Amino acid sequence: MRLPRILIIAVAVITMAGAVLADLVIPDLAAQHAFNPAWPPHAKFHDAQYMVMTVLLGLIGLVLALRPGRDALVPAAAVLATPWLGMVGALLFPGTATYDPEFAGRTVFVLGLHGQVFLAIVLLLALLVATAAALRSAA
C-alpha cells in the first residue's frame, strides 16, 4: 500500500501548489494569468477561484491519503482527479484555449500537448495506477 499512497500524496502536493505557483507566483507564468492586464476582472475572479479550489481539493486529498489503512485512498484519488479532469474537460467548451495568442511564443509544449494538459494527463495516469494498485491489494 506504500506506492499508491506515495503517488496520491505527490499528486496532492502538486495539486495544492501547482495553480498557485503557475498563476500567481512564477512571474513569467503569472503574467499570463493573475497579472495579465488583458484579462478582465471576471476572468481573474475565475482564475483566483480555481487557485483556491485546487488548494482545497489538494488538502482534502492529502488528508484522506494520510489516513491509516487503505479505505480512503480511492476517495483521495477521486478528489484529486477533479481539477485535472476539469482542466482537460474545459477544452471541450467552445472558445476555450490553453493559452492566449499573445503568449504563443512563450508557451511550453510537451509531446505536442500544452504543458498544463501534459501535466494533467501524467497526474491522472498516476492516480489511475495508484487506484488500481489500491483496489488490487484490497481484493
C-alpha atoms as a PDB file:
ATOM      1  CA  MET A   1       0.000   0.000   0.000  1.00  0.00           C
ATOM      2  CA  ARG A   2       3.061   2.219   0.152  1.00  0.00           C
ATOM      3  CA  LEU A   3       3.405   3.087  -3.567  1.00  0.00           C
ATOM      4  CA  PRO A   4      -0.269   4.035  -4.099  1.00  0.00           C
ATOM      5  CA  ARG A   5      -0.153   6.263  -1.025  1.00  0.00           C
ATOM      6  CA  ILE A   6       3.107   7.924  -2.156  1.00  0.00           C
ATOM      7  CA  LEU A   7       1.687   8.583  -5.643  1.00  0.00           C
ATOM      8  CA  ILE A   8      -1.509  10.050  -4.231  1.00  0.00           C
ATOM      9  CA  ILE A   9       0.389  12.237  -1.749  1.00  0.00           C
ATOM     10  CA  ALA A  10       2.654  13.504  -4.547  1.00  0.00           C
ATOM     11  CA  VAL A  11      -0.374  14.403  -6.683  1.00  0.00           C
ATOM     12  CA  ALA A  12      -1.955  16.133  -3.666  1.00  0.00           C
ATOM     13  CA  VAL A  13       1.113  18.325  -3.147  1.00  0.00           C
ATOM     14  CA  ILE A  14       1.323  19.183  -6.852  1.00  0.00           C
ATOM     15  CA  THR A  15      -2.407  19.950  -6.890  1.00  0.00           C
ATOM     16  CA  MET A  16      -2.131  22.246  -3.857  1.00  0.00           C
ATOM     17  CA  ALA A  17       0.869  24.165  -5.179  1.00  0.00           C
ATOM     18  CA  GLY A  18       0.650  23.962  -8.972  1.00  0.00           C
ATOM     19  CA  ALA A  19      -2.004  26.529  -9.854  1.00  0.00           C
ATOM     20  CA  VAL A  20      -0.843  28.996  -7.213  1.00  0.00           C
ATOM     21  CA  LEU A  21       2.737  28.804  -8.466  1.00  0.00           C
ATOM     22  CA  ALA A  22       1.804  28.967 -12.147  1.00  0.00           C
ATOM     23  CA  ASP A  23      -0.957  31.543 -11.940  1.00  0.00           C
ATOM     24  CA  LEU A  24       0.264  33.812  -9.135  1.00  0.00           C
ATOM     25  CA  VAL A  25       3.894  33.280  -8.075  1.00  0.00           C
ATOM     26  CA  ILE A  26       6.158  32.431 -11.035  1.00  0.00           C
ATOM     27  CA  PRO A  27       6.481  35.823 -12.768  1.00  0.00           C
ATOM     28  CA  ASP A  28       6.542  34.680 -16.411  1.00  0.00           C
ATOM     29  CA  LEU A  29       3.518  32.418 -15.912  1.00  0.00           C
ATOM     30  CA  ALA A  30       1.650  34.793 -13.592  1.00  0.00           C
ATOM     31  CA  ALA A  31       1.916  37.461 -16.311  1.00  0.00           C
ATOM     32  CA  GLN A  32      -0.266  35.175 -18.421  1.00  0.00           C
ATOM     33  CA  HIS A  33      -2.830  34.680 -15.655  1.00  0.00           C
ATOM     34  CA  ALA A  34      -3.443  36.705 -12.473  1.00  0.00           C
ATOM     35  CA  PHE A  35      -1.295  39.637 -13.618  1.00  0.00           C
ATOM     36  CA  ASN A  36      -2.370  39.644 -17.253  1.00  0.00           C
ATOM     37  CA  PRO A  37      -3.604  43.200 -17.952  1.00  0.00           C
ATOM     38  CA  ALA A  38      -5.666  41.918 -20.894  1.00  0.00           C
ATOM     39  CA  TRP A  39      -7.807  39.761 -18.611  1.00  0.00           C
ATOM     40  CA  PRO A  40     -10.999  41.409 -17.376  1.00  0.00           C
ATOM     41  CA  PRO A  41     -11.759  41.265 -13.640  1.00  0.00           C
ATOM     42  CA  HIS A  42     -14.269  38.437 -14.097  1.00  0.00           C
ATOM     43  CA  ALA A  43     -11.646  36.214 -15.770  1.00  0.00           C
ATOM     44  CA  LYS A  44      -9.242  36.971 -12.920  1.00  0.00           C
ATOM     45  CA  PHE A  45     -12.005  36.074 -10.454  1.00  0.00           C
ATOM     46  CA  HIS A  46     -12.349  32.636 -12.019  1.00  0.00           C
ATOM     47  CA  ASP A  47      -8.578  32.175 -12.034  1.00  0.00           C
ATOM     48  CA  ALA A  48      -8.492  33.012  -8.320  1.00  0.00           C
ATOM     49  CA  GLN A  49     -11.436  30.686  -7.758  1.00  0.00           C
ATOM     50  CA  TYR A  50      -9.518  27.876  -9.487  1.00  0.00           C
ATOM     51  CA  MET A  51      -6.413  28.527  -7.383  1.00  0.00           C
ATOM     52  CA  VAL A  52      -8.379  28.385  -4.127  1.00  0.00           C
ATOM     53  CA  MET A  53     -10.278  25.305  -5.292  1.00  0.00           C
ATOM     54  CA  THR A  54      -7.115  23.388  -6.178  1.00  0.00           C
ATOM     55  CA  VAL A  55      -5.546  24.209  -2.807  1.00  0.00           C
ATOM     56  CA  LEU A  56      -8.679  22.985  -1.022  1.00  0.00           C
ATOM     57  CA  LEU A  57      -9.075  19.840  -3.138  1.00  0.00           C
ATOM     58  CA  GLY A  58      -5.361  19.088  -2.751  1.00  0.00           C
ATOM     59  CA  LEU A  59      -5.624  19.495   1.006  1.00  0.00           C
ATOM     60  CA  ILE A  60      -8.689  17.234   1.219  1.00  0.00           C
ATOM     61  CA  GLY A  61      -6.930  14.627  -0.926  1.00  0.00           C
ATOM     62  CA  LEU A  62      -3.805  14.857   1.226  1.00  0.00           C
ATOM     63  CA  VAL A  63      -5.739  14.428   4.469  1.00  0.00           C
ATOM     64  CA  LEU A  64      -7.531  11.399   3.022  1.00  0.00           C
ATOM     65  CA  ALA A  65      -4.287   9.894   1.698  1.00  0.00           C
ATOM     66  CA  LEU A  66      -2.609  10.254   5.092  1.00  0.00           C
ATOM     67  CA  ARG A  67      -5.363   8.368   6.916  1.00  0.00           C
ATOM     68  CA  PRO A  68      -4.249   4.948   8.122  1.00  0.00           C
ATOM     69  CA  GLY A  69      -5.428   1.955   6.142  1.00  0.00           C
ATOM     70  CA  ARG A  70      -6.393   1.825   2.508  1.00  0.00           C
ATOM     71  CA  ASP A  71     -10.083   2.740   2.624  1.00  0.00           C
ATOM     72  CA  ALA A  72      -9.505   6.454   1.981  1.00  0.00           C
ATOM     73  CA  LEU A  73      -7.069   6.070  -0.928  1.00  0.00           C
ATOM     74  CA  VAL A  74      -9.673   5.704  -3.680  1.00  0.00           C
ATOM     75  CA  PRO A  75     -11.726   8.677  -2.427  1.00  0.00           C
ATOM     76  CA  ALA A  76      -8.482  10.679  -2.156  1.00  0.00           C
ATOM     77  CA  ALA A  77      -7.639   9.851  -5.771  1.00  0.00           C
ATOM     78  CA  ALA A  78     -11.159  10.821  -6.891  1.00  0.00           C
ATOM     79  CA  VAL A  79     -10.954  14.190  -5.123  1.00  0.00           C
ATOM     80  CA  LEU A  80      -7.510  14.877  -6.593  1.00  0.00           C
ATOM     81  CA  ALA A  81      -8.585  13.899 -10.108  1.00  0.00           C
ATOM     82  CA  THR A  82     -11.346  16.535 -10.075  1.00  0.00           C
ATOM     83  CA  PRO A  83      -9.351  19.690 -11.001  1.00  0.00           C
ATOM     84  CA  TRP A  84      -7.216  17.827 -13.544  1.00  0.00           C
ATOM     85  CA  LEU A  85     -10.264  16.298 -15.239  1.00  0.00           C
ATOM     86  CA  GLY A  86     -11.784  19.778 -15.159  1.00  0.00           C
ATOM     87  CA  MET A  87      -8.769  21.167 -16.983  1.00  0.00           C
ATOM     88  CA  VAL A  88      -8.984  18.557 -19.729  1.00  0.00           C
ATOM     89  CA  GLY A  89     -12.780  18.846 -19.878  1.00  0.00           C
ATOM     90  CA  ALA A  90     -12.592  22.628 -20.277  1.00  0.00           C
ATOM     91  CA  LEU A  91     -11.100  22.073 -23.731  1.00  0.00           C
ATOM     92  CA  LEU A  92     -14.477  20.701 -24.865  1.00  0.00           C
ATOM     93  CA  PHE A  93     -16.184  24.071 -24.422  1.00  0.00           C
ATOM     94  CA  PRO A  94     -16.421  26.433 -27.384  1.00  0.00           C
ATOM     95  CA  GLY A  95     -13.965  29.310 -27.478  1.00  0.00           C
ATOM     96  CA  THR A  96     -11.554  27.888 -24.897  1.00  0.00           C
ATOM     97  CA  ALA A  97      -7.805  27.629 -25.381  1.00  0.00           C
ATOM     98  CA  THR A  98      -4.864  26.520 -23.275  1.00  0.00           C
ATOM     99  CA  TYR A  99      -3.085  29.843 -23.823  1.00  0.00           C
ATOM    100  CA  ASP A 100      -3.793  33.365 -25.017  1.00  0.00           C
ATOM    101  CA  PRO A 101      -2.488  34.210 -28.520  1.00  0.00           C
ATOM    102  CA  GLU A 102      -0.088  36.911 -27.290  1.00  0.00           C
ATOM    103  CA  PHE A 103       1.789  34.217 -25.326  1.00  0.00           C
ATOM    104  CA  ALA A 104       2.070  31.684 -28.159  1.00  0.00           C
ATOM    105  CA  GLY A 105       5.838  32.107 -28.397  1.00  0.00           C
ATOM    106  CA  ARG A 106       6.320  31.609 -24.648  1.00  0.00           C
ATOM    107  CA  THR A 107       4.054  28.565 -24.290  1.00  0.00           C
ATOM    108  CA  VAL A 108       5.658  25.252 -23.378  1.00  0.00           C
ATOM    109  CA  PHE A 109       4.556  22.146 -25.249  1.00  0.00           C
ATOM    110  CA  VAL A 110       5.463  18.574 -24.318  1.00  0.00           C
ATOM    111  CA  LEU A 111       4.907  15.844 -26.911  1.00  0.00           C
ATOM    112  CA  GLY A 112       2.656  18.258 -28.820  1.00  0.00           C
ATOM    113  CA  LEU A 113       0.484  18.988 -25.776  1.00  0.00           C
ATOM    114  CA  HIS A 114       0.306  22.216 -23.805  1.00  0.00           C
ATOM    115  CA  GLY A 115       2.465  21.776 -20.695  1.00  0.00           C
ATOM    116  CA  GLN A 116      -0.511  22.042 -18.324  1.00  0.00           C
ATOM    117  CA  VAL A 117      -2.508  19.469 -20.275  1.00  0.00           C
ATOM    118  CA  PHE A 118       0.506  17.146 -20.363  1.00  0.00           C
ATOM    119  CA  LEU A 119       0.879  17.519 -16.581  1.00  0.00           C
ATOM    120  CA  ALA A 120      -2.841  16.842 -16.098  1.00  0.00           C
ATOM    121  CA  ILE A 121      -2.599  13.623 -18.117  1.00  0.00           C
ATOM    122  CA  VAL A 122       0.510  12.466 -16.223  1.00  0.00           C
ATOM    123  CA  LEU A 123      -1.131  13.133 -12.863  1.00  0.00           C
ATOM    124  CA  LEU A 124      -4.376  11.446 -13.913  1.00  0.00           C
ATOM    125  CA  LEU A 125      -2.385   8.400 -15.025  1.00  0.00           C
ATOM    126  CA  ALA A 126      -0.544   8.369 -11.672  1.00  0.00           C
ATOM    127  CA  LEU A 127      -3.890   8.464  -9.860  1.00  0.00           C
ATOM    128  CA  LEU A 128      -5.209   5.679 -12.073  1.00  0.00           C
ATOM    129  CA  VAL A 129      -2.177   3.493 -11.295  1.00  0.00           C
ATOM    130  CA  ALA A 130      -2.476   4.258  -7.572  1.00  0.00           C
ATOM    131  CA  THR A 131      -6.191   3.479  -7.583  1.00  0.00           C
ATOM    132  CA  ALA A 132      -5.702   0.205  -9.459  1.00  0.00           C
ATOM    133  CA  ALA A 133      -2.955  -0.851  -7.044  1.00  0.00           C
ATOM    134  CA  ALA A 134      -5.067   0.087  -4.016  1.00  0.00           C
ATOM    135  CA  LEU A 135      -8.073  -1.837  -5.339  1.00  0.00           C
ATOM    136  CA  ARG A 136      -5.915  -4.832  -6.281  1.00  0.00           C
ATOM    137  CA  SER A 137      -4.466  -5.065  -2.782  1.00  0.00           C
ATOM    138  CA  ALA A 138      -7.973  -4.787  -1.313  1.00  0.00           C
ATOM    139  CA  ALA A 139      -9.178  -7.824  -3.280  1.00  0.00           C
END
